[in-house]
C-alpha cells in the first residue's frame, strides 16, 4: 500500500543549539535537523504537538513534506526520533530530505494476514521469520507495508520465502530471496520429542572411554 494522503509539517530555522535547546522544549518546540543527499544539513525547530500528531499518523517509510519558513515543501523521511528513556518525551528528530526523482532504499514492514490452515488442522505454530524487507524505488513508490497472505500454508513445515513476495515492478528487492518470511512449525510436543531423541542418541560411549583411560588394577603407571 503506497501513501495515499500528503502529510505536511510546518518547521522553522533554529538558532538555539547545544544544551540551550532545553529552552525550546519548555516553549513547546522540538529541536530537529534536516539532512540528505546534495542537501546541506540544517537545524530546525518543530511545534511539539504537531510533531506528535505526525509521528502517530505516519510510518517511518512515509513521506513528510516539511514546509520551512513558508518555502516550497521538502519531501523527507523521518530517520531518527530520540526520546527520554524515562518520560518518553521527544528530544530530537532527524529528517532525511529526498528528491522525488531519485531512487531510495528503504525497509518495508511485512504484515501477516489471513489464517494458516496447518495451525488449526495440525496444531502447528505460525512463525514470523522476517519483519521487513529492503527495497529500492522512487520515494512515492515505496509502500507503507506489504501484506503476506498465509492462508496457503496447509502443511507442517510449509513456508513462505522472500522470493514468494509479489512486489510491484517499479521496486527492486534487496533482501536475500532465500530468507523465510513465515513458516508453520510442528506442535511443541513433537519438537520436544525430537530433542529428547537426539540427546538419548548421544549418550552411549562415555563409560567405555573412562575405562580405557583408567590404569589396570595392580599395574604401575608408566
Foldseek 3Di string as FASTA:
>chain_A
DFDDDAAEFEKEFDPDDDPRCVVVVVVQKAWEWEEEDVGDITIIIGRNVSVVVVVVPAAQLHWYFYQYPNHGTFTWGWDDWDADPPPRRTHYTYIYTDDQVDKDKDKAFEAEDDDAQCCVPQVWDKDFQDGTFIKIAGSRQDHNHAYDYNPPNHHAFDFQFLLNGDGDPRMGTDDDRGGTGMGTHHHPVVVVVVVVVVVVVPPPPPVVVVVVPDDDPPDDDD
